[in-house]
């Protein structure tokens, strides 16, 4: 079985902009590209797991969401970062679907489709729902610390202040 980094996108890899529908507003967080490039070279599959309820709420169209993702993937690829796959939930929280984080369906699908062991993988995110999703799926978890979406210190396996810390934590743990 392979190992993966299940990654929230907005607020984790790129700057949080609310319901991002303009591809020109994509801004990658400092250190993310370098860390992800090195981790991919070390054998980690990079998989995006993202709630995009702006579509379900009518705040953006699926086409706008896809345009942002297309530009994001192109930008990553031109910088040497290949994203293996992306899984999006466009439902609103009120729909109580199985694919919206903290539910685990997106991780389960990715694990099945890419022969990944969740127990050997990490979920990295900037919100409690990201951490709960990873824990519920059996992954180790990293919270990318931020003031906008605080998480209790006991919830994630590790707390990082930046991508350099994330890289150091993951690259030093060969037993995940």
Foldseek 3Di string as FASTA:
>chain_A
DAEAEEEEPDPFQWDHDDQDQDLVRTHGFPPNLVLQLVVVVVRHAYEYQYERQCCVVVVHHVVSVVVNVVSVQVVSVVSRHHHPYYDYHNHDVVVVDQRDFVRAPVVVVVCVVVVHDLLRYEFEEAAPSSLSNSVVSNHQYEHQDDDVHDDDPPRHPYYHPGSVVVSVVSVVDPPD
